[in-house]
Structure formats: structure tokens, C-alpha cells
Protein backbone atom coordinates (compact mmCIF):
# COMPACT_ATOMS: atom_id res chain seq x y z
CA MET A 1 0.00 0.00 0.00
CA PRO A 2 1.51 3.40 -0.97
CA GLN A 3 2.44 5.75 1.87
CA ILE A 4 1.38 9.39 1.53
CA PHE A 5 3.30 11.99 3.53
CA LEU A 6 1.26 14.94 4.86
CA ALA A 7 3.47 18.03 5.28
CA HIS A 8 1.84 20.88 7.19
CA ALA A 9 2.22 23.70 9.66
CA ASN A 10 1.16 23.05 13.26
CA GLU A 11 -1.51 25.73 12.97
CA ASP A 12 -3.23 23.68 10.23
CA LYS A 13 -3.39 20.43 12.23
CA PRO A 14 -7.22 20.40 12.57
CA LEU A 15 -7.61 20.45 8.78
CA VAL A 16 -4.78 17.95 8.30
CA ARG A 17 -6.33 15.65 10.91
CA GLU A 18 -9.56 15.68 8.91
CA LEU A 19 -7.67 15.00 5.66
CA TYR A 20 -5.80 12.14 7.35
CA GLY A 21 -9.06 10.56 8.44
CA LYS A 22 -10.57 10.79 4.98
CA LEU A 23 -7.54 9.17 3.38
CA VAL A 24 -7.60 6.33 5.90
CA GLU A 25 -11.32 5.83 5.31
CA ALA A 26 -10.65 5.75 1.56
CA GLY A 27 -8.18 2.90 2.08
CA TYR A 28 -4.85 4.71 1.87
CA LYS A 29 -1.89 4.92 4.24
CA PRO A 30 -1.15 8.58 5.05
CA TRP A 31 1.79 9.48 7.29
CA PHE A 32 0.83 12.12 9.85
CA ASP A 33 3.24 13.00 12.66
CA GLU A 34 0.45 13.27 15.24
CA GLU A 35 -0.59 9.68 14.53
CA ASP A 36 2.65 8.00 13.48
CA LEU A 37 5.36 9.47 15.70
CA LEU A 38 5.74 7.44 18.88
CA PRO A 39 6.44 8.92 22.32
CA GLY A 40 10.17 9.13 22.85
CA GLN A 41 11.11 9.09 19.16
CA ASN A 42 13.41 11.79 17.83
CA TRP A 43 11.16 13.63 15.40
CA ARG A 44 14.13 15.24 13.60
CA GLU A 45 15.25 11.73 12.64
CA GLU A 46 11.88 10.06 12.09
CA ILE A 47 10.23 12.69 9.89
CA PRO A 48 12.95 12.66 7.17
CA LYS A 49 12.94 8.87 7.32
CA ALA A 50 9.17 8.78 6.82
CA LEU A 51 9.40 11.29 3.98
CA LYS A 52 12.01 9.23 2.15
CA ASN A 53 9.91 6.08 2.59
CA SER A 54 6.77 7.72 1.22
CA ASP A 55 5.46 7.27 -2.30
CA MET A 56 3.66 10.61 -2.48
CA PHE A 57 4.09 13.99 -0.80
CA ILE A 58 1.14 16.28 -0.12
CA ALA A 59 2.16 19.83 0.77
CA CYS A 60 -0.70 21.27 2.83
CA LEU A 61 -0.52 24.96 2.02
CA SER A 62 -2.21 27.86 3.74
CA SER A 63 -1.52 31.51 4.35
CA THR A 64 0.11 30.32 7.59
CA SER A 65 2.35 27.60 6.21
CA ILE A 66 3.75 29.49 3.22
CA SER A 67 4.87 32.39 5.40
CA LYS A 68 6.30 30.17 8.11
CA ARG A 69 10.02 29.59 8.36
CA GLY A 70 11.39 26.43 9.88
CA TYR A 71 11.12 22.71 9.44
CA ILE A 72 8.17 22.70 7.05
CA GLN A 73 10.26 24.55 4.47
CA LYS A 74 12.95 21.88 4.85
CA GLU A 75 10.32 19.20 4.21
CA PHE A 76 9.27 20.95 1.01
CA LYS A 77 12.87 21.15 -0.20
CA MET A 78 13.54 17.50 0.66
CA ALA A 79 10.42 16.52 -1.30
CA MET A 80 11.54 18.56 -4.30
CA GLU A 81 14.85 16.68 -4.26
CA MET A 82 12.97 13.40 -4.05
CA MET A 83 10.73 14.44 -6.95
CA ALA A 84 13.77 14.92 -9.15
CA GLU A 85 14.50 11.20 -8.85
CA PHE A 86 11.10 10.11 -10.21
CA PRO A 87 10.46 9.50 -13.93
CA SER A 88 8.76 12.25 -15.90
CA GLY A 89 4.98 12.15 -15.56
CA THR A 90 5.00 10.73 -12.03
CA ILE A 91 2.58 12.40 -9.62
CA TYR A 92 4.60 12.69 -6.44
CA PHE A 93 4.34 16.24 -5.09
CA ILE A 94 0.79 17.61 -4.76
CA PRO A 95 0.39 21.23 -3.61
CA LEU A 96 -2.89 21.23 -1.67
CA LYS A 97 -4.30 24.63 -0.71
CA PHE A 98 -6.46 25.00 2.40
CA ASP A 99 -7.22 28.62 1.52
CA ASP A 100 -6.64 31.05 -1.32
CA CYS A 101 -2.92 31.41 -0.65
CA GLU A 102 -0.12 31.93 -3.14
CA ILE A 103 2.04 28.98 -4.21
CA PRO A 104 5.50 29.70 -2.76
CA GLU A 105 8.56 30.15 -4.93
CA LEU A 106 10.49 26.93 -4.45
CA ARG A 107 12.99 25.59 -6.96
CA GLN A 108 15.20 22.56 -7.43
CA SER A 109 17.74 24.27 -9.63
CA GLU A 110 19.82 21.24 -10.56
CA TYR A 111 16.92 19.64 -12.41
CA GLY A 112 15.04 22.81 -13.31
CA LEU A 113 12.06 22.03 -11.05
CA ASN A 114 9.76 24.77 -9.78
CA LEU A 115 6.88 24.21 -7.36
CA LYS A 116 4.80 26.72 -9.29
CA ASP A 117 4.97 24.44 -12.34
CA LEU A 118 2.85 21.86 -10.52
CA HIS A 119 -0.91 22.15 -10.79
CA TRP A 120 -2.30 22.79 -7.33
CA LEU A 121 -5.51 21.61 -5.70
CA ASP A 122 -8.00 24.04 -4.15
CA TYR A 123 -8.98 21.71 -1.34
CA TRP A 124 -11.62 24.03 0.08
CA ASN A 125 -13.83 23.52 -2.98
CA PRO A 126 -16.75 21.07 -2.53
CA ASN A 127 -15.12 18.47 -4.79
CA GLY A 128 -11.59 19.05 -3.48
CA PHE A 129 -11.18 15.65 -1.87
CA GLU A 130 -12.59 13.84 -4.91
CA LYS A 131 -10.01 15.55 -7.11
CA LEU A 132 -7.27 14.53 -4.71
CA ILE A 133 -8.39 10.90 -4.90
CA LYS A 134 -8.35 11.09 -8.71
CA SER A 135 -4.69 12.15 -8.61
CA ILE A 136 -3.81 9.37 -6.18
CA GLU A 137 -5.68 6.78 -8.25
CA HIS A 138 -4.03 8.06 -11.41
CA GLN A 139 -0.64 7.40 -9.85
CA PHE A 140 -1.29 4.19 -7.94
CA GLY A 141 -4.53 2.80 -9.34
CA SER A 142 -7.76 2.36 -7.43
CA GLN A 143 -7.33 1.55 -3.77
CA GLU A 144 -10.57 0.12 -2.44
CA THR A 145 -11.07 0.13 1.31
CA ASP A 146 -10.87 -3.63 1.26
CA ILE A 147 -7.41 -4.78 2.27
CA GLN A 148 -6.04 -7.10 -0.35
CA GLU A 149 -5.81 -10.71 0.64
CA SER A 150 -2.33 -11.72 1.65
CA GLN A 151 -0.48 -14.74 0.43
CA ASP A 152 -1.04 -16.23 3.87
CA ASN A 153 -4.80 -16.51 3.37
CA VAL A 154 -5.93 -19.55 5.26
CA ALA A 155 -8.98 -21.72 4.76
CA GLY A 156 -12.05 -21.96 6.91
CA ASN A 157 -13.07 -19.19 9.29
CA LYS A 158 -9.62 -17.68 9.83
CA THR A 159 -9.18 -14.04 8.92
CA ILE A 160 -6.76 -12.39 6.52
CA ASN A 161 -3.89 -9.96 7.24
CA ASN A 162 -4.29 -10.57 10.96
CA ASN A 163 -0.67 -10.34 12.12
CA TYR A 164 -1.63 -8.41 15.24
CA TYR A 165 -5.33 -9.19 15.50
CA VAL A 166 -6.07 -11.71 18.22
CA GLU A 167 -9.33 -13.61 17.86
CA ARG A 168 -11.70 -13.83 20.79
CA PRO A 169 -13.85 -16.93 20.12
CA PRO A 170 -16.71 -17.26 19.47
CA LEU A 171 -16.89 -13.54 18.61
CA GLU A 172 -15.48 -13.71 15.08
CA ILE A 173 -17.18 -16.87 13.89
CA ASN A 174 -20.55 -15.57 15.09
CA CYS A 175 -20.03 -12.43 13.01
CA PHE A 176 -18.84 -14.41 9.98
CA GLN A 177 -21.89 -16.65 10.11
CA GLU A 178 -24.25 -13.72 10.53
CA ILE A 179 -23.17 -11.93 7.34
CA GLU A 180 -23.93 -15.07 5.37
CA GLN A 181 -27.63 -14.62 6.16
CA ASP A 182 -29.86 -12.83 3.64
CA GLY A 183 -30.69 -9.27 4.71
CA ALA A 184 -28.51 -9.51 7.84
CA LEU A 185 -28.09 -6.67 10.34
CA LEU A 186 -25.11 -6.93 12.68
CA ARG A 187 -24.75 -4.44 15.55
CA ILE A 188 -21.26 -4.18 17.05
CA LYS A 189 -21.33 -2.34 20.37
CA ALA A 190 -18.35 -1.72 22.64
CA PRO A 191 -16.66 1.19 24.42
CA GLN A 192 -13.96 3.21 22.73
CA LYS A 193 -10.58 1.52 22.13
CA MET A 194 -11.99 -2.02 22.41
CA GLY A 195 -11.33 -2.99 18.79
CA LYS A 196 -14.64 -2.39 17.00
CA THR A 197 -13.07 -1.06 13.81
CA LEU A 198 -10.49 -3.87 13.76
CA LEU A 199 -13.30 -6.41 14.09
CA LEU A 200 -15.06 -4.77 11.16
CA LYS A 201 -11.89 -5.23 9.09
CA GLN A 202 -11.74 -8.88 10.04
CA ILE A 203 -15.33 -9.37 8.94
CA PHE A 204 -14.64 -7.64 5.63
CA ASP A 205 -11.55 -9.77 5.09
CA SER A 206 -13.14 -13.07 6.11
CA ASN A 207 -13.64 -15.94 3.70
CA GLN A 208 -17.38 -15.63 4.27
CA ALA A 209 -17.26 -12.17 2.68
CA LYS A 210 -15.31 -13.32 -0.37
CA GLY A 211 -17.02 -12.22 -3.53
CA PHE A 212 -19.13 -9.63 -1.68
CA GLN A 213 -19.24 -6.02 -2.73
CA LYS A 214 -17.91 -4.10 0.29
CA VAL A 215 -18.24 -0.52 1.43
CA ARG A 216 -17.01 0.91 4.71
CA LEU A 217 -18.16 4.33 5.90
CA ASP A 218 -17.05 6.24 8.99
CA LEU A 219 -19.50 8.92 10.10
CA GLN A 220 -16.92 10.40 12.46
CA LEU A 221 -15.05 11.65 9.39
CA LEU A 222 -18.12 13.18 7.76
CA GLU A 223 -18.17 16.96 7.51
CA SER A 224 -20.79 18.59 9.74
CA SER A 225 -22.11 20.52 6.75
CA ILE A 226 -23.40 17.24 5.25
CA LEU A 227 -25.52 16.68 8.36
CA THR A 228 -27.56 19.85 8.01
CA ASP A 229 -30.59 18.05 6.58
CA SER A 230 -31.74 14.51 5.76
CA SER A 231 -31.84 15.01 2.00
CA GLN A 232 -28.23 16.17 1.83
CA PHE A 233 -27.07 13.34 4.09
CA LEU A 234 -28.91 10.62 2.15
CA ARG A 235 -27.65 11.97 -1.15
CA TRP A 236 -24.12 11.74 0.28
CA LEU A 237 -24.80 8.14 1.33
CA CYS A 238 -26.01 7.14 -2.13
CA GLN A 239 -23.19 8.98 -3.88
CA ARG A 240 -20.54 7.50 -1.59
CA VAL A 241 -21.74 3.93 -2.00
CA SER A 242 -22.04 4.35 -5.77
CA ARG A 243 -18.50 5.66 -5.99
CA LYS A 244 -17.09 2.83 -3.88
CA LEU A 245 -18.81 0.31 -6.12
CA LYS A 246 -17.61 2.16 -9.23
CA LEU A 247 -21.17 2.81 -10.34
CA GLU A 248 -22.27 5.89 -12.26
CA ASN A 249 -23.90 8.58 -10.15
CA CYS A 250 -27.60 8.45 -11.08
CA LEU A 251 -29.01 10.47 -8.19
CA ASP A 252 -30.82 12.94 -10.42
CA ASP A 253 -32.94 10.10 -11.79
CA TYR A 254 -34.33 9.40 -8.33
CA TRP A 255 -34.30 12.69 -6.40
CA GLY A 256 -37.26 14.82 -7.35
CA GLU A 257 -40.77 14.90 -5.98
CA MET A 258 -40.22 11.93 -3.65
CA THR A 259 -39.22 12.33 -0.01
CA PRO A 260 -35.50 11.79 0.73
CA ASN A 261 -36.11 8.44 2.47
CA THR A 262 -38.22 7.16 -0.43
CA ALA A 263 -35.74 8.38 -3.03
CA CYS A 264 -32.81 6.79 -1.16
CA THR A 265 -34.71 3.51 -0.79
CA HIS A 266 -35.56 3.38 -4.49
CA TYR A 267 -31.95 4.24 -5.39
CA PHE A 268 -30.63 1.32 -3.37
CA GLU A 269 -33.28 -1.18 -4.42
CA GLU A 270 -33.71 -0.30 -8.09
CA TYR A 271 -30.19 0.81 -8.93
CA ILE A 272 -27.40 -0.25 -6.55
CA LEU A 273 -28.73 -3.66 -5.43
CA GLU A 274 -30.22 -4.35 -8.84
CA THR A 275 -26.92 -3.63 -10.59
CA ILE A 276 -24.61 -5.71 -8.43
CA GLU A 277 -24.70 -9.49 -8.73
CA THR A 278 -23.32 -10.39 -5.30
CA PRO A 279 -24.29 -9.30 -1.76
CA LEU A 280 -23.36 -5.82 -0.56
CA LEU A 281 -21.62 -5.67 2.82
CA LEU A 282 -22.19 -2.12 4.09
CA GLY A 283 -20.34 -1.26 7.31
CA ILE A 284 -21.13 2.04 9.05
CA ASP A 285 -18.63 2.93 11.77
CA ASN A 286 -19.26 5.52 14.52
CA ILE A 287 -22.96 5.64 13.77
CA ASP A 288 -23.46 6.99 17.28
CA ARG A 289 -22.29 10.37 16.04
CA LEU A 290 -25.93 10.77 15.02
CA PHE A 291 -27.03 10.21 18.64
CA ALA A 292 -26.08 13.84 19.41
CA PRO A 293 -29.05 16.16 20.11
CA GLU A 294 -28.28 18.41 17.14
CA PHE A 295 -28.85 15.51 14.76
CA THR A 296 -32.17 14.31 16.20
CA THR A 297 -34.16 14.83 13.00
CA ILE A 298 -31.61 13.20 10.71
CA ALA A 299 -31.18 10.32 13.18
CA ALA A 300 -34.89 9.59 13.28
CA ASP A 301 -35.12 9.53 9.48
CA PHE A 302 -31.93 7.54 8.86
CA PHE A 303 -32.41 4.98 11.62
CA GLY A 304 -35.99 4.45 10.52
CA LEU A 305 -34.66 3.88 7.01
CA LEU A 306 -32.17 1.22 8.18
CA ARG A 307 -34.89 -0.52 10.18
CA ALA A 308 -37.14 -0.56 7.11
CA TRP A 309 -34.37 -1.97 4.89
CA TRP A 310 -33.75 -4.75 7.40
CA GLY A 311 -37.47 -5.49 7.41
CA TYR A 312 -37.59 -5.65 3.62
CA GLY A 313 -34.79 -8.22 3.65
CA GLN A 314 -36.76 -10.39 6.08
CA THR A 315 -40.15 -10.11 4.36
CA ILE A 316 -40.10 -8.78 0.79
CA GLY A 317 -36.75 -10.36 -0.08
CA GLY A 318 -35.79 -9.69 -3.69
CA ASN A 319 -32.86 -7.31 -4.03
CA TRP A 320 -32.99 -6.52 -0.31
CA LYS A 321 -31.69 -9.99 0.47
CA LYS A 322 -28.35 -8.84 -0.98
CA LEU A 323 -27.89 -6.12 1.65
CA ARG A 324 -25.85 -7.05 4.74
CA LEU A 325 -25.65 -4.15 7.21
CA ILE A 326 -23.09 -3.69 9.98
CA VAL A 327 -23.45 -0.72 12.35
CA ILE A 328 -20.86 0.17 15.01
CA TYR A 329 -21.42 2.29 18.10
CA SER A 330 -20.02 2.86 21.59
CA THR A 331 -22.95 3.65 23.83
CA GLU A 332 -26.34 2.39 24.94
CA ASP A 333 -27.54 5.97 25.30
CA LEU A 334 -29.68 5.51 22.20
CA PRO A 335 -31.81 8.29 20.71
CA GLN A 336 -35.53 8.24 21.51
CA LEU A 337 -37.00 6.30 18.59
CA ASN A 338 -40.29 4.59 17.92
CA VAL A 339 -39.73 0.94 18.83
CA TYR A 340 -40.74 -0.05 15.29
CA GLN A 341 -38.41 2.48 13.69
CA SER A 342 -35.21 1.58 15.51
CA PRO A 343 -32.50 -0.66 14.03
CA PHE A 344 -31.04 -1.12 17.51
CA ASN A 345 -33.57 -3.70 18.70
CA VAL A 346 -33.42 -6.04 15.69
CA GLY A 347 -30.76 -8.10 13.99
CA THR A 348 -27.85 -9.51 16.00
CA GLU A 349 -25.96 -7.59 18.69
CA VAL A 350 -22.27 -8.31 19.26
CA LYS A 351 -20.37 -7.14 22.35
CA ILE A 352 -16.57 -7.22 22.30
CA PRO A 353 -14.92 -8.75 25.39
CA GLU A 354 -11.54 -7.89 26.87
CA PHE A 355 -8.50 -10.11 26.33
CA ASN A 356 -8.01 -13.10 28.58
CA ASP A 357 -4.55 -14.32 29.64
CA GLU A 358 -4.15 -16.72 26.72
CA GLN A 359 -5.06 -14.04 24.20
CA ILE A 360 -2.50 -11.69 25.75
CA ARG A 361 0.07 -14.46 25.55
CA GLU A 362 -0.76 -14.94 21.85
CA LEU A 363 -0.44 -11.22 21.14
CA ALA A 364 2.93 -11.14 22.92
CA GLN A 365 4.09 -14.06 20.79
CA ARG A 366 3.21 -12.11 17.66
CA TYR A 367 5.82 -9.62 18.84
CA GLU A 368 8.26 -12.46 19.55
CA PHE A 369 7.88 -12.34 23.34
CA ASN A 370 7.66 -15.64 25.17
CA TRP A 371 6.03 -14.35 28.33
CA SER A 372 5.54 -16.36 31.49
CA SER A 373 2.28 -16.43 33.41
CA SER A 374 3.80 -14.12 36.04
CA GLN A 375 4.64 -11.49 33.41
CA ILE A 376 1.12 -11.61 32.02
CA GLN A 377 -0.28 -11.28 35.53
CA GLN A 378 2.01 -8.30 36.14
CA LEU A 379 0.54 -6.64 33.04
CA THR A 380 -3.11 -7.46 33.76
CA LYS A 381 -2.81 -6.43 37.40
CA GLN A 382 -2.57 -2.85 36.14
CA LEU A 383 -4.13 -2.89 32.67
CA GLY A 384 -6.70 -5.66 33.01
CA GLY A 385 -7.45 -7.16 29.62
CA HIS A 386 -8.07 -3.82 27.92
CA PRO A 387 -7.17 -4.48 24.23
CA TYR A 388 -5.80 -1.01 23.47
CA LEU A 389 -3.77 -0.62 26.66
CA VAL A 390 -2.34 -4.14 26.40
CA HIS A 391 -1.44 -3.85 22.72
CA GLU A 392 0.22 -0.46 23.15
CA ALA A 393 2.34 -1.80 26.00
CA ILE A 394 3.53 -4.87 24.10
CA LYS A 395 4.20 -2.87 20.95
CA TYR A 396 6.21 -0.29 22.86
CA LEU A 397 8.32 -2.94 24.56
CA LYS A 398 9.13 -4.40 21.15
CA GLN A 399 10.22 -1.00 19.85
CA TYR A 400 12.37 -0.31 22.91
CA PRO A 401 13.97 -3.64 23.91
CA ASP A 402 16.05 -2.07 26.70
CA LEU A 403 12.88 -1.03 28.52
CA THR A 404 11.54 -3.47 31.09
CA LEU A 405 7.88 -4.23 31.68
CA SER A 406 8.21 -2.93 35.25
CA ASP A 407 9.65 0.40 34.09
CA LEU A 408 6.90 0.81 31.51
CA LEU A 409 4.14 0.11 34.03
CA ASN A 410 5.67 2.36 36.67
CA LYS A 411 5.23 5.39 34.39
CA SER A 412 2.02 4.29 32.69
CA ALA A 413 -0.26 6.30 35.01
CA THR A 414 1.64 9.53 34.36
CA ASP A 415 1.59 12.08 31.57
CA GLU A 416 5.16 11.07 30.76
CA GLY A 417 4.29 7.44 30.05
CA ILE A 418 3.25 5.69 26.86
CA TYR A 419 -0.43 6.60 27.30
CA ALA A 420 0.12 10.37 27.40
CA THR A 421 -1.95 11.01 24.26
CA HIS A 422 -4.69 8.68 25.50
CA TRP A 423 -4.87 10.58 28.79
CA GLN A 424 -4.99 13.87 26.95
CA ASN A 425 -7.91 12.76 24.79
CA LEU A 426 -9.90 11.46 27.77
CA TRP A 427 -9.07 14.50 29.86
CA SER A 428 -10.24 16.90 27.14
CA THR A 429 -13.70 15.31 27.28
CA LEU A 430 -13.88 15.41 31.07
CA GLU A 431 -12.81 19.05 31.20
CA LYS A 432 -15.84 19.98 29.11
CA ASP A 433 -18.24 18.24 31.49
CA LYS A 434 -17.48 18.96 35.15
CA ASP A 435 -20.43 16.89 36.38
CA LEU A 436 -19.15 13.88 34.45
CA ALA A 437 -15.68 14.40 35.94
CA THR A 438 -17.23 14.55 39.41
CA GLN A 439 -19.00 11.23 38.86
CA LEU A 440 -15.76 9.61 37.71
CA ARG A 441 -13.95 10.99 40.77
CA ILE A 442 -16.55 9.31 43.00
CA ILE A 443 -16.07 5.99 41.18
CA VAL A 444 -12.26 5.93 41.25
CA SER A 445 -12.11 7.15 44.87
CA SER A 446 -14.44 4.47 46.20
CA LYS A 447 -13.13 1.12 47.37
CA GLU A 448 -16.55 -0.36 46.64
CA LYS A 449 -18.63 -0.53 43.49
CA VAL A 450 -21.01 2.42 43.16
CA ALA A 451 -24.34 3.18 41.52
CA ILE A 452 -24.63 6.21 39.24
CA SER A 453 -27.40 7.70 37.12
CA PRO A 454 -27.92 6.21 33.63
CA THR A 455 -26.89 9.48 31.94
CA TYR A 456 -23.38 9.40 33.41
CA LEU A 457 -23.18 5.62 33.17
CA TYR A 458 -23.73 5.69 29.39
CA LYS A 459 -21.16 8.44 28.86
CA LEU A 460 -18.42 6.91 31.00
CA ASP A 461 -19.10 3.46 29.58
CA SER A 462 -18.85 4.69 25.99
CA MET A 463 -15.50 6.30 26.86
CA GLY A 464 -14.35 2.92 28.14
CA LEU A 465 -13.59 4.25 31.63
CA ILE A 466 -15.89 1.98 33.62
CA LYS A 467 -17.36 -1.49 33.55
CA ARG A 468 -20.66 -2.70 34.94
CA VAL A 469 -21.00 -5.18 37.74
CA GLY A 470 -24.70 -5.84 38.10
CA ASN A 471 -26.41 -2.50 38.70
CA GLN A 472 -23.19 -0.87 39.85
CA VAL A 473 -19.93 0.21 38.22
CA GLU A 474 -16.20 0.29 38.91
CA PRO A 475 -13.14 1.54 36.97
CA ARG A 476 -12.46 -0.58 33.91
CA CYS A 477 -8.93 -1.32 35.09
CA PRO A 478 -6.62 -0.41 38.00
CA LEU A 479 -4.63 1.91 35.74
CA TYR A 480 -7.68 4.12 35.21
CA ARG A 481 -8.35 4.19 38.95
CA GLN A 482 -4.75 5.21 39.68
CA TYR A 483 -4.46 7.91 37.02
CA PHE A 484 -7.83 9.60 37.45
CA ARG A 485 -7.87 9.35 41.25
CA GLU A 486 -4.71 11.45 41.36
CA ARG A 487 -5.73 13.86 38.60
CA LEU A 488 -9.30 14.40 39.75
CA SER A 489 -8.38 14.77 43.40
CA SER A 490 -5.79 17.42 42.52
CA LEU A 491 -8.40 19.19 40.41
CA GLU A 492 -10.81 19.18 43.36
CA ASN A 493 -8.14 20.60 45.64
CA GLU A 494 -7.40 23.37 43.15
CA GLY A 495 -11.10 24.18 43.02
């Protein structure tokens, strides 16, 4: 898979973060320092290395970046030198403009290259991202979101490209069997960082999904402007699925006097599902973005639509039997929907469990560690079986072989440890909701399990900070208790 380097000024990170997400969702491998640099790495060494290992360079330009002196200008010059080594006609360096800025004067004199000779992309235009994808596809060919099957494809129910994915039976096989059913609806629910998106990839790459048409969508990456009304959102859905399936956009033949839900339904039934010969596996990640109060109207329309499509597959059949839906969400704080218009009480629900000791041992072996039971117990005593925390720890130990497990764990509950970014992300949410932070402080400070109101329970559960024990809750793992007990108590003292 080609690597695409994203060069940018720090002030443009919000826009670059959005671009990164879109490229990932489109099936590409962008290199973004915020995501790919590891804590403790020397960025002055790693960034040039990543640039040299990249197959394409996108210069994210803005009025800020072109006037900024410093490392970004060095990146541009390094990329110009790299471009000189490529054959004529190669698309390597793409100037991408976030605003109506001037293309800077940048030359590679030895080979007569000038940045201004390259056609730039006005990314702020409505079709800016589509044009970018056309350039990438022109250079590398189409890159569907499906990961290509590796040479190690194994028979039966095993997954593909699963070097670091540890199966948690019978989770995977239940999912694989479900998508074989006509008109299936699979609901994957788990807190953040539990592996929902990775499970979706395994389902897409399974032998049961061979021959299926596959489309993955991530609503977290969708621009807020698309969510202003149902018609605009459903048009985006139809257009996106059509593009992924390489079908001509025929929206104008269906959108007219009909309501958006009716037009979207006809478009899927009479055009998309009628055109394809094999089942369509449609995975929608982060669908709980629509649970937010500002999207109440769109949520009611869209969720009612999904429920109706599932019903058609069970009763009418026909083309609807080809549709296999997978929706992914993190919370049980569902929007208020008519019981007969909700897709969250039909189909098959899947909950993702934590790792057990044997699964941790298997993951460690993938990284060439032959851990004893005592080492695994040392890890789980602090991290539990939390998939993200466990995987990050093992991966970090592999990257830094001189670091011991004890040293790593000793700093793990601090802002200097390997989870610093994770703490920052969680803390940013808690800072915006003082009442939620207060509830978490009560939980982590108590030696006993506590009962909290459903509103706070849903929020803290979706963040992955707590786990339920009957009608009460406790911190999901000792590490969370240790970190947030210290942080929240200090915050209380400051107040």
C-alpha cells in the first residue's frame, strides 16, 4: 500500500487531521506526525525517514504555512529533491491549498524544477477531496477500502492480514456466520478503544465475505455541513456507496418529488442492489455520532430507514436480500425512537470482550515475546485485559527492547508514560463536562462498586472508563483508577 506523507504547519493540524481521516477511510496509508510518531522518538530523525519512505508527498498549504520559516520549508525542499528522482509524468508532489494562498517560490535548480509548475488543488472547494483521490488513483490505481488478501490466506473461518489481530472466540465466527444470512443486520457495540473497527476489518476480510461487494463508511469523518438536513445526508450516502462500487452517479434520476427516504430507498433497491450481482456488505462505523441532540431529526429519518431496509430483507426479499448491514457504536444511550423504527432492537448484537490471559500471551508471541504467566499477571494487574492498553504496552516494549515491563508500568499512570496522548484525549472530554468528571472521581475514589445515574453511566461506559457489575460500576482497570484518582483529586483541591 503506498504511503502518503502529509506536510503541514502546526496551525493547520485540525484540517490535516480531517484529511488524514478521509484518506484512511478511503483505504490509503497517510503518514501524519500526530498519529505515526511514537512517544520518545526523535522527530528530527523520524520525519525525514518517513518522507524518504513515502510514495507521495502532499504539501498542505495555507496563508500560515507558506509564510512560516522552519522545518516545514525543509520538508518541502527535501520533497523537491525526491521528486527529481522520479520519472517524468510521475505524480509525487501535490500542492494542496487550504485557503486562497499563493504557491510559494520553491525551486530545485539542478533539475530545473519549480513548485509553481505543478498544478495545485484548491482543497476548500466542494469536490476538493474527490479531485485529490483522482490524482492518487491516477498514480497508484484504485485503492478500495478492502485490504487485499495476503499470500497467507488460510482456509475456513480464519481471517486475513491478521498479524496483530487476536481472535476472541466465538466472537469472530458468530459475526462471519451472521453476514452469510440474507438481509442480515449486525450491531457491534463496545466502548472506545476495544477494537470495534479492527473487528469490522476482520469481517470484511473473512472468507465468508469473499465475492461480496464491500463498502465501509465512517460517520466520524463526515463533515458537519453534510448533516444539516436529511436530504443532503442521504444523497451523500447514495453517492458515496455508488462511488465505492464504481457505479455511475444516477441520483438525479431518483431525487425529485419523492421524499428523501423514499428516493434513497428506491436508489438502493432499483439501482445499486439491482446492478450488483453479489451481496453488498455495508459497514457504518461511529454511527453513534448521530445520537447527538443536534442531529435528532436526521437520526430519526436515517435509523428508521435502516430498520425498514432490514425489514424488507426479512419479508419482501428480492434485491434486499443482498444487503448485509453492519453498524458500530459505543454507547447504549440511544436516541428516543419509535420501537418499530429503531434498528437497535433487531438483527444480532455483538459485544466485544476484553483479552483473557491466553489471548495476551498470543499477542505477545506475535511480537516475539515468550512471556511467562507471572509477566502476564504483572501486566493485567494494572491494565486488566483492555485491548488497546495491552497492545500499546507490548508494541512499545518491542520498539524499545532495553525497557523493562516494570519500568513501563511504573510510568504508565503519568503524563510522561506511553499513554500520554490517551490521557490527553480522555481529559479533554472530562474538562468539558465537570459533572461527568465529578461522577468519575466518586467511582475511582471508592473502594466499593457504586451506583450512578444512567446518563453518566452511558457516557463513561462509551468512553471505556468503567465497567458494569450488576447494577453498579467500577473503573475498567486499576490503571484508570490510579491515574484519574490522582488527577481528579488534585483538580478538586485546586477548586
